[in-house]
Amino acid sequence: MEITNDAIDKLAHLARLEFNGADKESIKQDLTQITAFCEKLNEIDTTGVEPLIYMSTETNILRDDIIVEEITHAEALKNAPKKDSDYFRVPKFLDK
């Protein structure tokens, strides 16, 4: 696939970018290398190869959640600047 200046201009417009002459030539070379690599990948025979869904066969080993009361309700409210019987009191920040 040949990368033309029109294709670069279209990509630049879609990405909301602007390229001058030197940058445009550099991008053209980079895109040419990328497409050449992709075309080389198309030459590989992949018949009989299952699609890869995950990059690894490893699975996460998670621990069970254990409920432990580390701090009591009263201890949590002990140093609060403003508190109600069971809640922290904070300034209202939403208007209806």
PDB file of N, CA and C in Angstrom:
ATOM      1  N   MET A   1       0.852  -1.181   0.000  1.00  0.00           N
ATOM      2  CA  MET A   1       0.000   0.000   0.000  1.00  0.00           C
ATOM      3  C   MET A   1       0.891   1.236   0.000  1.00  0.00           C
ATOM      4  N   GLU A   2       0.580   2.131  -0.872  1.00  0.00           N
ATOM      5  CA  GLU A   2       1.371   3.353  -0.967  1.00  0.00           C
ATOM      6  C   GLU A   2       0.732   4.456  -0.140  1.00  0.00           C
ATOM      7  N   ILE A   3       1.546   5.130   0.623  1.00  0.00           N
ATOM      8  CA  ILE A   3       1.084   6.252   1.439  1.00  0.00           C
ATOM      9  C   ILE A   3       1.287   7.524   0.631  1.00  0.00           C
ATOM     10  N   THR A   4       0.199   8.217   0.360  1.00  0.00           N
ATOM     11  CA  THR A   4       0.280   9.453  -0.412  1.00  0.00           C
ATOM     12  C   THR A   4       0.136  10.655   0.510  1.00  0.00           C
ATOM     13  N   ASN A   5       0.455  11.819  -0.036  1.00  0.00           N
ATOM     14  CA  ASN A   5       0.299  13.052   0.738  1.00  0.00           C
ATOM     15  C   ASN A   5      -1.176  13.313   1.044  1.00  0.00           C
ATOM     16  N   ASP A   6      -2.060  12.886   0.151  1.00  0.00           N
ATOM     17  CA  ASP A   6      -3.498  13.053   0.410  1.00  0.00           C
ATOM     18  C   ASP A   6      -3.933  12.202   1.604  1.00  0.00           C
ATOM     19  N   ALA A   7      -3.385  10.977   1.705  1.00  0.00           N
ATOM     20  CA  ALA A   7      -3.729  10.111   2.837  1.00  0.00           C
ATOM     21  C   ALA A   7      -3.216  10.715   4.140  1.00  0.00           C
ATOM     22  N   ILE A   8      -2.025  11.288   4.099  1.00  0.00           N
ATOM     23  CA  ILE A   8      -1.469  11.921   5.303  1.00  0.00           C
ATOM     24  C   ILE A   8      -2.307  13.140   5.677  1.00  0.00           C
ATOM     25  N   ASP A   9      -2.717  13.922   4.687  1.00  0.00           N
ATOM     26  CA  ASP A   9      -3.568  15.086   4.965  1.00  0.00           C
ATOM     27  C   ASP A   9      -4.901  14.666   5.568  1.00  0.00           C
ATOM     28  N   LYS A  10      -5.467  13.566   5.059  1.00  0.00           N
ATOM     29  CA  LYS A  10      -6.738  13.079   5.596  1.00  0.00           C
ATOM     30  C   LYS A  10      -6.568  12.596   7.038  1.00  0.00           C
ATOM     31  N   LEU A  11      -5.476  11.836   7.310  1.00  0.00           N
ATOM     32  CA  LEU A  11      -5.210  11.390   8.679  1.00  0.00           C
ATOM     33  C   LEU A  11      -4.972  12.568   9.609  1.00  0.00           C
ATOM     34  N   ALA A  12      -4.253  13.563   9.120  1.00  0.00           N
ATOM     35  CA  ALA A  12      -3.982  14.751   9.930  1.00  0.00           C
ATOM     36  C   ALA A  12      -5.283  15.472  10.255  1.00  0.00           C
ATOM     37  N   HIS A  13      -6.185  15.557   9.268  1.00  0.00           N
ATOM     38  CA  HIS A  13      -7.472  16.208   9.512  1.00  0.00           C
ATOM     39  C   HIS A  13      -8.293  15.430  10.537  1.00  0.00           C
ATOM     40  N   LEU A  14      -8.320  14.103  10.394  1.00  0.00           N
ATOM     41  CA  LEU A  14      -9.089  13.283  11.338  1.00  0.00           C
ATOM     42  C   LEU A  14      -8.532  13.375  12.749  1.00  0.00           C
ATOM     43  N   ALA A  15      -7.203  13.477  12.874  1.00  0.00           N
ATOM     44  CA  ALA A  15      -6.565  13.558  14.191  1.00  0.00           C
ATOM     45  C   ALA A  15      -6.437  14.999  14.667  1.00  0.00           C
ATOM     46  N   ARG A  16      -6.924  15.934  13.850  1.00  0.00           N
ATOM     47  CA  ARG A  16      -6.829  17.367  14.166  1.00  0.00           C
ATOM     48  C   ARG A  16      -5.381  17.781  14.409  1.00  0.00           C
ATOM     49  N   LEU A  17      -4.505  17.361  13.476  1.00  0.00           N
ATOM     50  CA  LEU A  17      -3.094  17.701  13.542  1.00  0.00           C
ATOM     51  C   LEU A  17      -2.706  18.485  12.300  1.00  0.00           C
ATOM     52  N   GLU A  18      -1.582  19.176  12.385  1.00  0.00           N
ATOM     53  CA  GLU A  18      -1.035  19.880  11.223  1.00  0.00           C
ATOM     54  C   GLU A  18       0.417  19.472  11.071  1.00  0.00           C
ATOM     55  N   PHE A  19       0.824  19.173   9.838  1.00  0.00           N
ATOM     56  CA  PHE A  19       2.202  18.791   9.553  1.00  0.00           C
ATOM     57  C   PHE A  19       2.773  19.731   8.511  1.00  0.00           C
ATOM     58  N   ASN A  20       4.024  20.137   8.720  1.00  0.00           N
ATOM     59  CA  ASN A  20       4.711  20.899   7.688  1.00  0.00           C
ATOM     60  C   ASN A  20       5.433  19.920   6.756  1.00  0.00           C
ATOM     61  N   GLY A  21       6.190  20.408   5.792  1.00  0.00           N
ATOM     62  CA  GLY A  21       6.818  19.558   4.781  1.00  0.00           C
ATOM     63  C   GLY A  21       7.737  18.497   5.353  1.00  0.00           C
ATOM     64  N   ALA A  22       8.638  18.858   6.289  1.00  0.00           N
ATOM     65  CA  ALA A  22       9.594  17.897   6.847  1.00  0.00           C
ATOM     66  C   ALA A  22       8.882  16.860   7.708  1.00  0.00           C
ATOM     67  N   ASP A  23       7.932  17.312   8.506  1.00  0.00           N
ATOM     68  CA  ASP A  23       7.179  16.374   9.354  1.00  0.00           C
ATOM     69  C   ASP A  23       6.347  15.421   8.507  1.00  0.00           C
ATOM     70  N   LYS A  24       5.794  15.938   7.423  1.00  0.00           N
ATOM     71  CA  LYS A  24       4.961  15.116   6.553  1.00  0.00           C
ATOM     72  C   LYS A  24       5.792  13.998   5.921  1.00  0.00           C
ATOM     73  N   GLU A  25       7.003  14.295   5.510  1.00  0.00           N
ATOM     74  CA  GLU A  25       7.881  13.271   4.926  1.00  0.00           C
ATOM     75  C   GLU A  25       8.272  12.226   5.966  1.00  0.00           C
ATOM     76  N   SER A  26       8.532  12.665   7.190  1.00  0.00           N
ATOM     77  CA  SER A  26       8.874  11.733   8.271  1.00  0.00           C
ATOM     78  C   SER A  26       7.701  10.803   8.578  1.00  0.00           C
ATOM     79  N   ILE A  27       6.495  11.381   8.636  1.00  0.00           N
ATOM     80  CA  ILE A  27       5.296  10.572   8.889  1.00  0.00           C
ATOM     81  C   ILE A  27       5.070   9.605   7.731  1.00  0.00           C
ATOM     82  N   LYS A  28       5.321  10.061   6.525  1.00  0.00           N
ATOM     83  CA  LYS A  28       5.142   9.216   5.342  1.00  0.00           C
ATOM     84  C   LYS A  28       6.065   8.006   5.407  1.00  0.00           C
ATOM     85  N   GLN A  29       7.315   8.214   5.801  1.00  0.00           N
ATOM     86  CA  GLN A  29       8.268   7.102   5.934  1.00  0.00           C
ATOM     87  C   GLN A  29       7.835   6.141   7.033  1.00  0.00           C
ATOM     88  N   ASP A  30       7.407   6.680   8.161  1.00  0.00           N
ATOM     89  CA  ASP A  30       6.968   5.830   9.277  1.00  0.00           C
ATOM     90  C   ASP A  30       5.752   4.989   8.885  1.00  0.00           C
ATOM     91  N   LEU A  31       4.769   5.614   8.246  1.00  0.00           N
ATOM     92  CA  LEU A  31       3.567   4.884   7.846  1.00  0.00           C
ATOM     93  C   LEU A  31       3.889   3.831   6.782  1.00  0.00           C
ATOM     94  N   THR A  32       4.842   4.127   5.916  1.00  0.00           N
ATOM     95  CA  THR A  32       5.256   3.153   4.907  1.00  0.00           C
ATOM     96  C   THR A  32       5.884   1.935   5.578  1.00  0.00           C
ATOM     97  N   GLN A  33       6.711   2.156   6.594  1.00  0.00           N
ATOM     98  CA  GLN A  33       7.319   1.039   7.329  1.00  0.00           C
ATOM     99  C   GLN A  33       6.259   0.225   8.063  1.00  0.00           C
ATOM    100  N   ILE A  34       5.292   0.892   8.651  1.00  0.00           N
ATOM    101  CA  ILE A  34       4.234   0.190   9.392  1.00  0.00           C
ATOM    102  C   ILE A  34       3.413  -0.670   8.442  1.00  0.00           C
ATOM    103  N   THR A  35       3.004  -0.109   7.303  1.00  0.00           N
ATOM    104  CA  THR A  35       2.196  -0.891   6.362  1.00  0.00           C
ATOM    105  C   THR A  35       3.002  -2.029   5.754  1.00  0.00           C
ATOM    106  N   ALA A  36       4.298  -1.830   5.539  1.00  0.00           N
ATOM    107  CA  ALA A  36       5.138  -2.914   5.021  1.00  0.00           C
ATOM    108  C   ALA A  36       5.202  -4.057   6.027  1.00  0.00           C
ATOM    109  N   PHE A  37       5.308  -3.735   7.306  1.00  0.00           N
ATOM    110  CA  PHE A  37       5.331  -4.766   8.335  1.00  0.00           C
ATOM    111  C   PHE A  37       4.007  -5.522   8.372  1.00  0.00           C
ATOM    112  N   CYS A  38       2.886  -4.793   8.276  1.00  0.00           N
ATOM    113  CA  CYS A  38       1.573  -5.447   8.288  1.00  0.00           C
ATOM    114  C   CYS A  38       1.403  -6.351   7.071  1.00  0.00           C
ATOM    115  N   GLU A  39       1.896  -5.925   5.916  1.00  0.00           N
ATOM    116  CA  GLU A  39       1.821  -6.764   4.721  1.00  0.00           C
ATOM    117  C   GLU A  39       2.677  -8.018   4.883  1.00  0.00           C
ATOM    118  N   LYS A  40       3.796  -7.896   5.568  1.00  0.00           N
ATOM    119  CA  LYS A  40       4.653  -9.062   5.832  1.00  0.00           C
ATOM    120  C   LYS A  40       3.921 -10.047   6.745  1.00  0.00           C
ATOM    121  N   LEU A  41       3.157  -9.538   7.707  1.00  0.00           N
ATOM    122  CA  LEU A  41       2.384 -10.414   8.585  1.00  0.00           C
ATOM    123  C   LEU A  41       1.298 -11.154   7.811  1.00  0.00           C
ATOM    124  N   ASN A  42       0.762 -10.533   6.765  1.00  0.00           N
ATOM    125  CA  ASN A  42      -0.270 -11.184   5.962  1.00  0.00           C
ATOM    126  C   ASN A  42       0.281 -12.379   5.191  1.00  0.00           C
ATOM    127  N   GLU A  43       1.592 -12.471   5.015  1.00  0.00           N
ATOM    128  CA  GLU A  43       2.200 -13.586   4.298  1.00  0.00           C
ATOM    129  C   GLU A  43       2.251 -14.865   5.133  1.00  0.00           C
ATOM    130  N   ILE A  44       2.074 -14.749   6.426  1.00  0.00           N
ATOM    131  CA  ILE A  44       2.181 -15.902   7.321  1.00  0.00           C
ATOM    132  C   ILE A  44       0.941 -16.774   7.178  1.00  0.00           C
ATOM    133  N   ASP A  45       1.158 -18.086   7.080  1.00  0.00           N
ATOM    134  CA  ASP A  45       0.056 -19.040   6.978  1.00  0.00           C
ATOM    135  C   ASP A  45      -0.508 -19.288   8.380  1.00  0.00           C
ATOM    136  N   THR A  46      -1.754 -18.885   8.587  1.00  0.00           N
ATOM    137  CA  THR A  46      -2.380 -19.036   9.910  1.00  0.00           C
ATOM    138  C   THR A  46      -3.524 -20.033   9.886  1.00  0.00           C
ATOM    139  N   THR A  47      -3.544 -20.911   8.895  1.00  0.00           N
ATOM    140  CA  THR A  47      -4.606 -21.917   8.857  1.00  0.00           C
ATOM    141  C   THR A  47      -4.411 -22.881  10.032  1.00  0.00           C
ATOM    142  N   GLY A  48      -5.493 -23.165  10.714  1.00  0.00           N
ATOM    143  CA  GLY A  48      -5.438 -24.078  11.853  1.00  0.00           C
ATOM    144  C   GLY A  48      -5.020 -23.417  13.156  1.00  0.00           C
ATOM    145  N   VAL A  49      -4.776 -22.122  13.143  1.00  0.00           N
ATOM    146  CA  VAL A  49      -4.387 -21.407  14.365  1.00  0.00           C
ATOM    147  C   VAL A  49      -5.633 -20.743  14.937  1.00  0.00           C
ATOM    148  N   GLU A  50      -5.940 -21.096  16.176  1.00  0.00           N
ATOM    149  CA  GLU A  50      -7.102 -20.516  16.836  1.00  0.00           C
ATOM    150  C   GLU A  50      -6.838 -19.051  17.176  1.00  0.00           C
ATOM    151  N   PRO A  51      -7.869 -18.206  17.104  1.00  0.00           N
ATOM    152  CA  PRO A  51      -7.688 -16.800  17.493  1.00  0.00           C
ATOM    153  C   PRO A  51      -7.304 -16.695  18.971  1.00  0.00           C
ATOM    154  N   LEU A  52      -6.433 -15.758  19.270  1.00  0.00           N
ATOM    155  CA  LEU A  52      -5.970 -15.552  20.634  1.00  0.00           C
ATOM    156  C   LEU A  52      -6.919 -14.591  21.339  1.00  0.00           C
ATOM    157  N   ILE A  53      -7.495 -15.054  22.428  1.00  0.00           N
ATOM    158  CA  ILE A  53      -8.418 -14.207  23.184  1.00  0.00           C
ATOM    159  C   ILE A  53      -7.669 -13.507  24.316  1.00  0.00           C
ATOM    160  N   TYR A  54      -6.823 -14.249  25.003  1.00  0.00           N
ATOM    161  CA  TYR A  54      -6.069 -13.692  26.120  1.00  0.00           C
ATOM    162  C   TYR A  54      -4.583 -13.827  25.828  1.00  0.00           C
ATOM    163  N   MET A  55      -3.801 -12.890  26.328  1.00  0.00           N
ATOM    164  CA  MET A  55      -2.359 -12.911  26.085  1.00  0.00           C
ATOM    165  C   MET A  55      -1.644 -13.923  26.967  1.00  0.00           C
ATOM    166  N   SER A  56      -2.292 -14.368  28.008  1.00  0.00           N
ATOM    167  CA  SER A  56      -1.656 -15.272  28.955  1.00  0.00           C
ATOM    168  C   SER A  56      -2.659 -16.336  29.395  1.00  0.00           C
ATOM    169  N   THR A  57      -2.142 -17.479  29.788  1.00  0.00           N
ATOM    170  CA  THR A  57      -3.021 -18.532  30.308  1.00  0.00           C
ATOM    171  C   THR A  57      -3.171 -18.426  31.820  1.00  0.00           C
ATOM    172  N   GLU A  58      -2.479 -17.481  32.428  1.00  0.00           N
ATOM    173  CA  GLU A  58      -2.541 -17.308  33.879  1.00  0.00           C
ATOM    174  C   GLU A  58      -3.900 -16.754  34.285  1.00  0.00           C
ATOM    175  N   THR A  59      -4.349 -17.145  35.456  1.00  0.00           N
ATOM    176  CA  THR A  59      -5.587 -16.597  36.009  1.00  0.00           C
ATOM    177  C   THR A  59      -5.264 -15.928  37.338  1.00  0.00           C
ATOM    178  N   ASN A  60      -6.085 -14.980  37.684  1.00  0.00           N
ATOM    179  CA  ASN A  60      -5.890 -14.290  38.954  1.00  0.00           C
ATOM    180  C   ASN A  60      -6.284 -15.207  40.102  1.00  0.00           C
ATOM    181  N   ILE A  61      -5.453 -15.244  41.100  1.00  0.00           N
ATOM    182  CA  ILE A  61      -5.775 -15.986  42.319  1.00  0.00           C
ATOM    183  C   ILE A  61      -6.096 -14.939  43.372  1.00  0.00           C
ATOM    184  N   LEU A  62      -7.358 -14.868  43.708  1.00  0.00           N
ATOM    185  CA  LEU A  62      -7.808 -13.843  44.638  1.00  0.00           C
ATOM    186  C   LEU A  62      -8.094 -14.465  45.997  1.00  0.00           C
ATOM    187  N   ARG A  63      -7.825 -13.704  47.022  1.00  0.00           N
ATOM    188  CA  ARG A  63      -8.131 -14.191  48.365  1.00  0.00           C
ATOM    189  C   ARG A  63      -9.591 -13.922  48.669  1.00  0.00           C
ATOM    190  N   ASP A  64     -10.147 -14.654  49.594  1.00  0.00           N
ATOM    191  CA  ASP A  64     -11.520 -14.440  50.021  1.00  0.00           C
ATOM    192  C   ASP A  64     -11.597 -13.176  50.855  1.00  0.00           C
ATOM    193  N   ASP A  65     -12.687 -12.446  50.704  1.00  0.00           N
ATOM    194  CA  ASP A  65     -12.905 -11.271  51.525  1.00  0.00           C
ATOM    195  C   ASP A  65     -13.305 -11.711  52.920  1.00  0.00           C
ATOM    196  N   ILE A  66     -12.606 -11.168  53.881  1.00  0.00           N
ATOM    197  CA  ILE A  66     -12.906 -11.483  55.270  1.00  0.00           C
ATOM    198  C   ILE A  66     -13.329 -10.183  55.941  1.00  0.00           C
ATOM    199  N   ILE A  67     -14.514 -10.163  56.501  1.00  0.00           N
ATOM    200  CA  ILE A  67     -15.015  -8.959  57.147  1.00  0.00           C
ATOM    201  C   ILE A  67     -14.431  -8.875  58.547  1.00  0.00           C
ATOM    202  N   VAL A  68     -13.667  -7.816  58.772  1.00  0.00           N
ATOM    203  CA  VAL A  68     -13.046  -7.596  60.069  1.00  0.00           C
ATOM    204  C   VAL A  68     -13.343  -6.157  60.472  1.00  0.00           C
ATOM    205  N   GLU A  69     -13.854  -5.970  61.662  1.00  0.00           N
ATOM    206  CA  GLU A  69     -14.133  -4.627  62.128  1.00  0.00           C
ATOM    207  C   GLU A  69     -12.857  -4.066  62.743  1.00  0.00           C
ATOM    208  N   GLU A  70     -12.197  -3.195  62.001  1.00  0.00           N
ATOM    209  CA  GLU A  70     -10.927  -2.637  62.453  1.00  0.00           C
ATOM    210  C   GLU A  70     -11.135  -1.417  63.348  1.00  0.00           C
ATOM    211  N   ILE A  71     -12.185  -0.650  63.057  1.00  0.00           N
ATOM    212  CA  ILE A  71     -12.450   0.553  63.841  1.00  0.00           C
ATOM    213  C   ILE A  71     -13.958   0.607  64.102  1.00  0.00           C
ATOM    214  N   THR A  72     -14.313   0.977  65.299  1.00  0.00           N
ATOM    215  CA  THR A  72     -15.735   1.023  65.634  1.00  0.00           C
ATOM    216  C   THR A  72     -16.351   2.310  65.100  1.00  0.00           C
ATOM    217  N   HIS A  73     -17.659   2.321  65.081  1.00  0.00           N
ATOM    218  CA  HIS A  73     -18.394   3.489  64.617  1.00  0.00           C
ATOM    219  C   HIS A  73     -18.061   4.703  65.492  1.00  0.00           C
ATOM    220  N   ALA A  74     -18.029   4.505  66.775  1.00  0.00           N
ATOM    221  CA  ALA A  74     -17.742   5.600  67.715  1.00  0.00           C
ATOM    222  C   ALA A  74     -16.317   6.124  67.533  1.00  0.00           C
ATOM    223  N   GLU A  75     -15.365   5.225  67.301  1.00  0.00           N
ATOM    224  CA  GLU A  75     -13.978   5.655  67.094  1.00  0.00           C
ATOM    225  C   GLU A  75     -13.834   6.458  65.796  1.00  0.00           C
ATOM    226  N   ALA A  76     -14.590   6.090  64.773  1.00  0.00           N
ATOM    227  CA  ALA A  76     -14.529   6.814  63.505  1.00  0.00           C
ATOM    228  C   ALA A  76     -15.067   8.236  63.670  1.00  0.00           C
ATOM    229  N   LEU A  77     -16.091   8.410  64.477  1.00  0.00           N
ATOM    230  CA  LEU A  77     -16.690   9.730  64.666  1.00  0.00           C
ATOM    231  C   LEU A  77     -16.007  10.545  65.756  1.00  0.00           C
ATOM    232  N   LYS A  78     -15.107   9.930  66.481  1.00  0.00           N
ATOM    233  CA  LYS A  78     -14.505  10.585  67.648  1.00  0.00           C
ATOM    234  C   LYS A  78     -13.799  11.899  67.281  1.00  0.00           C
ATOM    235  N   ASN A  79     -13.041  11.951  66.228  1.00  0.00           N
ATOM    236  CA  ASN A  79     -12.276  13.143  65.867  1.00  0.00           C
ATOM    237  C   ASN A  79     -12.924  13.973  64.763  1.00  0.00           C
ATOM    238  N   ALA A  80     -14.160  13.691  64.426  1.00  0.00           N
ATOM    239  CA  ALA A  80     -14.834  14.446  63.372  1.00  0.00           C
ATOM    240  C   ALA A  80     -15.115  15.861  63.851  1.00  0.00           C
ATOM    241  N   PRO A  81     -14.857  16.885  63.040  1.00  0.00           N
ATOM    242  CA  PRO A  81     -15.130  18.257  63.475  1.00  0.00           C
ATOM    243  C   PRO A  81     -16.619  18.503  63.721  1.00  0.00           C
ATOM    244  N   LYS A  82     -17.468  17.921  62.875  1.00  0.00           N
ATOM    245  CA  LYS A  82     -18.918  18.027  63.073  1.00  0.00           C
ATOM    246  C   LYS A  82     -19.493  16.640  62.862  1.00  0.00           C
ATOM    247  N   LYS A  83     -20.367  16.250  63.741  1.00  0.00           N
ATOM    248  CA  LYS A  83     -20.973  14.935  63.616  1.00  0.00           C
ATOM    249  C   LYS A  83     -22.396  14.974  64.139  1.00  0.00           C
ATOM    250  N   ASP A  84     -23.171  14.036  63.643  1.00  0.00           N
ATOM    251  CA  ASP A  84     -24.517  13.824  64.115  1.00  0.00           C
ATOM    252  C   ASP A  84     -24.441  12.552  64.944  1.00  0.00           C
ATOM    253  N   SER A  85     -25.530  11.968  65.300  1.00  0.00           N
ATOM    254  CA  SER A  85     -25.484  10.774  66.128  1.00  0.00           C
ATOM    255  C   SER A  85     -24.703   9.643  65.456  1.00  0.00           C
ATOM    256  N   ASP A  86     -24.939   9.419  64.170  1.00  0.00           N
ATOM    257  CA  ASP A  86     -24.271   8.326  63.471  1.00  0.00           C
ATOM    258  C   ASP A  86     -23.532   8.760  62.215  1.00  0.00           C
ATOM    259  N   TYR A  87     -23.511  10.046  61.874  1.00  0.00           N
ATOM    260  CA  TYR A  87     -22.985  10.487  60.588  1.00  0.00           C
ATOM    261  C   TYR A  87     -22.015  11.651  60.734  1.00  0.00           C
ATOM    262  N   PHE A  88     -21.142  11.790  59.742  1.00  0.00           N
ATOM    263  CA  PHE A  88     -20.313  12.983  59.623  1.00  0.00           C
ATOM    264  C   PHE A  88     -21.188  14.107  59.076  1.00  0.00           C
ATOM    265  N   ARG A  89     -21.018  15.305  59.598  1.00  0.00           N
ATOM    266  CA  ARG A  89     -21.754  16.467  59.086  1.00  0.00           C
ATOM    267  C   ARG A  89     -20.807  17.237  58.178  1.00  0.00           C
ATOM    268  N   VAL A  90     -21.220  17.431  56.943  1.00  0.00           N
ATOM    269  CA  VAL A  90     -20.410  18.171  55.963  1.00  0.00           C
ATOM    270  C   VAL A  90     -21.258  19.259  55.360  1.00  0.00           C
ATOM    271  N   PRO A  91     -20.626  20.305  54.793  1.00  0.00           N
ATOM    272  CA  PRO A  91     -21.404  21.366  54.163  1.00  0.00           C
ATOM    273  C   PRO A  91     -22.154  20.857  52.951  1.00  0.00           C
ATOM    274  N   LYS A  92     -23.312  21.444  52.709  1.00  0.00           N
ATOM    275  CA  LYS A  92     -24.111  21.049  51.554  1.00  0.00           C
ATOM    276  C   LYS A  92     -23.420  21.559  50.295  1.00  0.00           C
ATOM    277  N   PHE A  93     -23.292  20.708  49.300  1.00  0.00           N
ATOM    278  CA  PHE A  93     -22.614  21.143  48.076  1.00  0.00           C
ATOM    279  C   PHE A  93     -23.438  20.919  46.823  1.00  0.00           C
ATOM    280  N   LEU A  94     -24.639  20.368  46.972  1.00  0.00           N
ATOM    281  CA  LEU A  94     -25.536  20.198  45.844  1.00  0.00           C
ATOM    282  C   LEU A  94     -26.773  21.052  46.050  1.00  0.00           C
ATOM    283  N   ASP A  95     -27.177  21.753  45.003  1.00  0.00           N
ATOM    284  CA  ASP A  95     -28.405  22.523  45.052  1.00  0.00           C
ATOM    285  C   ASP A  95     -29.468  21.816  44.227  1.00  0.00           C
ATOM    286  N   LYS A  96     -30.697  21.914  44.672  1.00  0.00           N
ATOM    287  CA  LYS A  96     -31.798  21.291  43.930  1.00  0.00           C
ATOM    288  C   LYS A  96     -32.382  22.251  42.953  1.00  0.00           C
TER     289      LYS A  96
END
